[in-house]
Amino acid sequence: MSYADLASQHCTPRKGKEHALDAAQVSTLLAQLPGWVASADGKSIVKDFKFANFHHTLGFINAVGFMANHEDHHPDIEAGYGHCHLLWSTHDVGGLSLNDFICAARVEALLAR
């Protein structure tokens, strides 16, 4: 499965531990997402993005926010001049779900345009 395949999917409500991905599933999905890594505790995926200036950073954040609202799955965002750090996790499963990888892939698709 490529990130384009993931990006073509949509998030669905996932609640409960039965929707949490195991380490092998996380590793397989991360291999499809350039530059994304698992956090030290394995409960989130993260990536840092660099931009030429604050204007481009803010545009990226707005695009991610629009997509996240549409998918009803929201990242933690930290930003400053020329950079943005995204973190995806699914609180309702206590770790990572397929929704996190779908949204990360959708972020990659935004940047590929």
N, C-alpha and C. Protein backbone atom coordinates (compact mmCIF):
# COMPACT_ATOMS: atom_id res chain seq x y z
N MET A 1 0.85 -1.18 0.00
CA MET A 1 0.00 0.00 0.00
C MET A 1 0.89 1.24 0.00
N SER A 2 0.63 2.15 -0.90
CA SER A 2 1.41 3.39 -0.98
C SER A 2 0.71 4.50 -0.21
N TYR A 3 1.40 5.61 -0.03
CA TYR A 3 0.73 6.72 0.67
C TYR A 3 -0.44 7.24 -0.14
N ALA A 4 -0.40 7.11 -1.48
CA ALA A 4 -1.53 7.52 -2.30
C ALA A 4 -2.75 6.65 -2.02
N ASP A 5 -2.52 5.35 -1.80
CA ASP A 5 -3.62 4.45 -1.43
C ASP A 5 -4.21 4.85 -0.08
N LEU A 6 -3.34 5.14 0.87
CA LEU A 6 -3.81 5.58 2.19
C LEU A 6 -4.57 6.90 2.07
N ALA A 7 -4.04 7.83 1.30
CA ALA A 7 -4.64 9.15 1.17
C ALA A 7 -6.01 9.10 0.50
N SER A 8 -6.29 8.06 -0.24
CA SER A 8 -7.59 7.94 -0.91
C SER A 8 -8.68 7.44 0.05
N GLN A 9 -8.27 7.00 1.22
CA GLN A 9 -9.24 6.51 2.21
C GLN A 9 -9.74 7.66 3.07
N HIS A 10 -10.80 7.39 3.82
CA HIS A 10 -11.35 8.38 4.75
C HIS A 10 -11.38 7.81 6.16
N CYS A 11 -11.26 8.67 7.12
CA CYS A 11 -11.31 8.26 8.52
C CYS A 11 -12.71 7.80 8.89
N THR A 12 -12.76 6.83 9.78
CA THR A 12 -14.02 6.38 10.36
C THR A 12 -13.84 6.37 11.87
N PRO A 13 -14.93 6.49 12.62
CA PRO A 13 -14.79 6.46 14.09
C PRO A 13 -14.13 5.16 14.55
N ARG A 14 -13.10 5.30 15.36
CA ARG A 14 -12.39 4.15 15.90
C ARG A 14 -12.25 4.36 17.40
N LYS A 15 -12.95 3.55 18.16
CA LYS A 15 -12.90 3.66 19.62
C LYS A 15 -12.63 2.28 20.19
N GLY A 16 -11.78 2.24 21.18
CA GLY A 16 -11.47 0.98 21.84
C GLY A 16 -10.15 0.39 21.37
N LYS A 17 -9.57 -0.39 22.26
CA LYS A 17 -8.24 -0.99 22.02
C LYS A 17 -8.21 -1.89 20.79
N GLU A 18 -9.37 -2.43 20.39
CA GLU A 18 -9.38 -3.33 19.23
C GLU A 18 -9.00 -2.61 17.93
N HIS A 19 -9.04 -1.27 17.94
CA HIS A 19 -8.67 -0.50 16.76
C HIS A 19 -7.21 -0.01 16.80
N ALA A 20 -6.53 -0.28 17.90
CA ALA A 20 -5.12 0.11 18.01
C ALA A 20 -4.26 -0.80 17.13
N LEU A 21 -3.32 -0.20 16.43
CA LEU A 21 -2.42 -0.96 15.57
C LEU A 21 -1.26 -1.52 16.39
N ASP A 22 -0.81 -2.71 16.01
CA ASP A 22 0.35 -3.28 16.69
C ASP A 22 1.63 -2.78 16.04
N ALA A 23 2.76 -3.10 16.64
CA ALA A 23 4.05 -2.58 16.17
C ALA A 23 4.35 -2.97 14.72
N ALA A 24 3.99 -4.17 14.32
CA ALA A 24 4.25 -4.61 12.94
C ALA A 24 3.40 -3.82 11.95
N GLN A 25 2.15 -3.57 12.29
CA GLN A 25 1.28 -2.78 11.42
C GLN A 25 1.80 -1.34 11.31
N VAL A 26 2.23 -0.78 12.43
CA VAL A 26 2.78 0.58 12.44
C VAL A 26 4.01 0.65 11.55
N SER A 27 4.90 -0.31 11.68
CA SER A 27 6.12 -0.33 10.89
C SER A 27 5.81 -0.42 9.39
N THR A 28 4.88 -1.26 9.02
CA THR A 28 4.49 -1.42 7.62
C THR A 28 3.92 -0.12 7.06
N LEU A 29 3.04 0.52 7.82
CA LEU A 29 2.42 1.77 7.36
C LEU A 29 3.41 2.93 7.32
N LEU A 30 4.30 2.99 8.32
CA LEU A 30 5.30 4.07 8.33
C LEU A 30 6.22 4.00 7.11
N ALA A 31 6.47 2.80 6.63
CA ALA A 31 7.33 2.64 5.45
C ALA A 31 6.74 3.32 4.22
N GLN A 32 5.45 3.60 4.24
CA GLN A 32 4.78 4.25 3.11
C GLN A 32 4.79 5.77 3.22
N LEU A 33 5.22 6.30 4.36
CA LEU A 33 5.13 7.74 4.62
C LEU A 33 6.52 8.34 4.79
N PRO A 34 7.02 9.03 3.78
CA PRO A 34 8.38 9.57 3.85
C PRO A 34 8.57 10.57 4.98
N GLY A 35 9.56 10.31 5.81
CA GLY A 35 9.92 11.24 6.88
C GLY A 35 9.12 11.13 8.16
N TRP A 36 8.07 10.34 8.17
CA TRP A 36 7.27 10.16 9.38
C TRP A 36 7.94 9.10 10.25
N VAL A 37 7.92 9.33 11.56
CA VAL A 37 8.50 8.38 12.51
C VAL A 37 7.54 8.18 13.68
N ALA A 38 7.69 7.04 14.33
CA ALA A 38 6.93 6.78 15.54
C ALA A 38 7.58 7.51 16.70
N SER A 39 6.76 7.99 17.62
CA SER A 39 7.29 8.62 18.83
C SER A 39 7.97 7.57 19.68
N ALA A 40 8.72 8.01 20.67
CA ALA A 40 9.47 7.10 21.53
C ALA A 40 8.55 6.09 22.23
N ASP A 41 7.35 6.52 22.61
CA ASP A 41 6.43 5.61 23.29
C ASP A 41 5.58 4.79 22.32
N GLY A 42 5.72 5.05 21.00
CA GLY A 42 4.99 4.29 20.00
C GLY A 42 3.51 4.61 19.90
N LYS A 43 3.07 5.68 20.56
CA LYS A 43 1.65 6.01 20.59
C LYS A 43 1.27 7.12 19.62
N SER A 44 2.23 7.60 18.84
CA SER A 44 1.94 8.65 17.87
C SER A 44 2.95 8.57 16.74
N ILE A 45 2.62 9.25 15.64
CA ILE A 45 3.57 9.44 14.56
C ILE A 45 3.79 10.93 14.38
N VAL A 46 5.01 11.30 14.02
CA VAL A 46 5.38 12.71 13.97
C VAL A 46 6.22 13.00 12.74
N LYS A 47 6.17 14.26 12.33
CA LYS A 47 7.05 14.74 11.25
C LYS A 47 7.20 16.24 11.40
N ASP A 48 8.42 16.71 11.11
CA ASP A 48 8.71 18.14 11.08
C ASP A 48 8.74 18.60 9.63
N PHE A 49 8.13 19.72 9.38
CA PHE A 49 8.07 20.31 8.04
C PHE A 49 8.77 21.66 8.06
N LYS A 50 9.53 21.96 7.02
CA LYS A 50 10.23 23.23 6.90
C LYS A 50 9.64 24.03 5.75
N PHE A 51 9.54 25.34 5.94
CA PHE A 51 8.99 26.24 4.93
C PHE A 51 9.86 27.48 4.84
N ALA A 52 9.73 28.20 3.75
CA ALA A 52 10.57 29.36 3.49
C ALA A 52 10.28 30.51 4.45
N ASN A 53 9.04 30.58 4.95
CA ASN A 53 8.67 31.72 5.80
C ASN A 53 7.40 31.39 6.58
N PHE A 54 6.97 32.33 7.38
CA PHE A 54 5.79 32.13 8.21
C PHE A 54 4.53 32.03 7.36
N HIS A 55 4.46 32.82 6.30
CA HIS A 55 3.29 32.81 5.43
C HIS A 55 3.03 31.40 4.88
N HIS A 56 4.06 30.73 4.39
CA HIS A 56 3.91 29.37 3.87
C HIS A 56 3.59 28.38 4.98
N THR A 57 4.19 28.57 6.14
CA THR A 57 3.89 27.71 7.28
C THR A 57 2.41 27.82 7.64
N LEU A 58 1.92 29.02 7.73
CA LEU A 58 0.52 29.24 8.09
C LEU A 58 -0.42 28.67 7.03
N GLY A 59 -0.09 28.81 5.76
CA GLY A 59 -0.89 28.21 4.70
C GLY A 59 -0.97 26.70 4.85
N PHE A 60 0.15 26.07 5.17
CA PHE A 60 0.20 24.63 5.40
C PHE A 60 -0.70 24.25 6.58
N ILE A 61 -0.58 24.97 7.67
CA ILE A 61 -1.39 24.69 8.85
C ILE A 61 -2.88 24.81 8.52
N ASN A 62 -3.25 25.84 7.78
CA ASN A 62 -4.65 26.01 7.40
C ASN A 62 -5.14 24.86 6.52
N ALA A 63 -4.31 24.41 5.58
CA ALA A 63 -4.69 23.29 4.71
C ALA A 63 -4.84 22.01 5.53
N VAL A 64 -3.91 21.76 6.46
CA VAL A 64 -4.00 20.59 7.32
C VAL A 64 -5.26 20.68 8.19
N GLY A 65 -5.53 21.86 8.73
CA GLY A 65 -6.71 22.05 9.56
C GLY A 65 -8.00 21.79 8.80
N PHE A 66 -8.08 22.26 7.57
CA PHE A 66 -9.27 22.03 6.75
C PHE A 66 -9.47 20.54 6.51
N MET A 67 -8.38 19.84 6.14
CA MET A 67 -8.47 18.40 5.91
C MET A 67 -8.84 17.66 7.20
N ALA A 68 -8.22 18.04 8.32
CA ALA A 68 -8.49 17.37 9.59
C ALA A 68 -9.94 17.54 10.01
N ASN A 69 -10.49 18.73 9.83
CA ASN A 69 -11.90 18.93 10.15
C ASN A 69 -12.79 18.08 9.26
N HIS A 70 -12.46 18.00 7.99
CA HIS A 70 -13.24 17.19 7.05
C HIS A 70 -13.22 15.71 7.46
N GLU A 71 -12.07 15.24 7.93
CA GLU A 71 -11.93 13.84 8.34
C GLU A 71 -12.34 13.61 9.79
N ASP A 72 -12.60 14.68 10.53
CA ASP A 72 -12.94 14.62 11.96
C ASP A 72 -11.87 13.85 12.75
N HIS A 73 -10.62 14.16 12.41
CA HIS A 73 -9.47 13.57 13.10
C HIS A 73 -8.38 14.65 13.11
N HIS A 74 -7.95 15.06 14.29
CA HIS A 74 -7.15 16.28 14.41
C HIS A 74 -5.77 16.00 15.01
N PRO A 75 -4.74 16.63 14.44
CA PRO A 75 -3.38 16.45 14.95
C PRO A 75 -3.06 17.45 16.06
N ASP A 76 -1.97 17.18 16.75
CA ASP A 76 -1.34 18.21 17.59
C ASP A 76 -0.39 18.94 16.66
N ILE A 77 -0.40 20.27 16.74
CA ILE A 77 0.41 21.09 15.85
C ILE A 77 1.25 22.06 16.68
N GLU A 78 2.54 22.11 16.37
CA GLU A 78 3.44 23.12 16.93
C GLU A 78 4.08 23.82 15.74
N ALA A 79 4.12 25.14 15.79
CA ALA A 79 4.65 25.86 14.63
C ALA A 79 5.38 27.12 15.07
N GLY A 80 6.20 27.59 14.17
CA GLY A 80 6.92 28.84 14.33
C GLY A 80 7.34 29.32 12.95
N TYR A 81 8.20 30.29 12.92
CA TYR A 81 8.65 30.85 11.65
C TYR A 81 9.34 29.77 10.83
N GLY A 82 8.73 29.38 9.71
CA GLY A 82 9.35 28.45 8.77
C GLY A 82 9.33 26.99 9.16
N HIS A 83 8.58 26.62 10.19
CA HIS A 83 8.54 25.21 10.56
C HIS A 83 7.22 24.83 11.20
N CYS A 84 6.88 23.56 11.06
CA CYS A 84 5.66 23.02 11.66
C CYS A 84 5.92 21.57 12.05
N HIS A 85 5.50 21.21 13.23
CA HIS A 85 5.64 19.85 13.75
C HIS A 85 4.23 19.28 13.90
N LEU A 86 3.96 18.16 13.20
CA LEU A 86 2.65 17.50 13.31
C LEU A 86 2.79 16.20 14.07
N LEU A 87 1.80 15.92 14.90
CA LEU A 87 1.75 14.68 15.66
C LEU A 87 0.34 14.11 15.53
N TRP A 88 0.24 12.89 15.06
CA TRP A 88 -1.05 12.20 14.95
C TRP A 88 -1.10 11.05 15.94
N SER A 89 -2.22 10.91 16.63
CA SER A 89 -2.51 9.76 17.48
C SER A 89 -4.02 9.67 17.61
N THR A 90 -4.49 8.54 18.11
CA THR A 90 -5.92 8.36 18.31
C THR A 90 -6.17 8.11 19.79
N HIS A 91 -6.60 9.15 20.48
CA HIS A 91 -6.80 9.07 21.93
C HIS A 91 -7.80 7.97 22.29
N ASP A 92 -8.82 7.78 21.46
CA ASP A 92 -9.87 6.80 21.77
C ASP A 92 -9.40 5.36 21.69
N VAL A 93 -8.23 5.10 21.13
CA VAL A 93 -7.69 3.74 21.12
C VAL A 93 -6.43 3.64 21.99
N GLY A 94 -5.99 4.76 22.52
CA GLY A 94 -4.80 4.76 23.37
C GLY A 94 -3.50 4.59 22.62
N GLY A 95 -3.48 4.99 21.37
CA GLY A 95 -2.27 4.85 20.56
C GLY A 95 -2.54 5.22 19.12
N LEU A 96 -2.13 4.36 18.22
CA LEU A 96 -2.25 4.63 16.79
C LEU A 96 -3.36 3.79 16.17
N SER A 97 -4.11 4.42 15.29
CA SER A 97 -5.12 3.72 14.50
C SER A 97 -4.86 4.00 13.02
N LEU A 98 -5.59 3.34 12.17
CA LEU A 98 -5.46 3.58 10.74
C LEU A 98 -5.74 5.04 10.41
N ASN A 99 -6.61 5.71 11.15
CA ASN A 99 -6.93 7.12 10.90
C ASN A 99 -5.68 8.00 10.91
N ASP A 100 -4.74 7.71 11.80
CA ASP A 100 -3.52 8.52 11.88
C ASP A 100 -2.71 8.43 10.60
N PHE A 101 -2.65 7.25 10.03
CA PHE A 101 -1.88 7.04 8.81
C PHE A 101 -2.61 7.59 7.59
N ILE A 102 -3.92 7.50 7.60
CA ILE A 102 -4.70 8.11 6.52
C ILE A 102 -4.45 9.61 6.51
N CYS A 103 -4.51 10.25 7.66
CA CYS A 103 -4.32 11.70 7.72
C CYS A 103 -2.89 12.10 7.39
N ALA A 104 -1.91 11.35 7.85
CA ALA A 104 -0.51 11.65 7.50
C ALA A 104 -0.33 11.53 5.99
N ALA A 105 -0.93 10.52 5.38
CA ALA A 105 -0.84 10.36 3.93
C ALA A 105 -1.54 11.51 3.22
N ARG A 106 -2.64 11.98 3.75
CA ARG A 106 -3.34 13.12 3.16
C ARG A 106 -2.48 14.40 3.25
N VAL A 107 -1.70 14.53 4.32
CA VAL A 107 -0.77 15.65 4.43
C VAL A 107 0.28 15.55 3.33
N GLU A 108 0.81 14.37 3.12
CA GLU A 108 1.80 14.18 2.05
C GLU A 108 1.20 14.52 0.70
N ALA A 109 -0.06 14.14 0.48
CA ALA A 109 -0.73 14.43 -0.78
C ALA A 109 -0.92 15.94 -0.96
N LEU A 110 -1.19 16.65 0.14
CA LEU A 110 -1.30 18.11 0.07
C LEU A 110 0.01 18.72 -0.45
N LEU A 111 1.12 18.22 0.06
CA LEU A 111 2.42 18.76 -0.30
C LEU A 111 2.85 18.36 -1.71
N ALA A 112 2.30 17.26 -2.20
CA ALA A 112 2.66 16.79 -3.54
C ALA A 112 1.98 17.59 -4.64
N ARG A 113 0.98 18.38 -4.28
CA ARG A 113 0.23 19.14 -5.29
C ARG A 113 1.03 20.29 -5.83
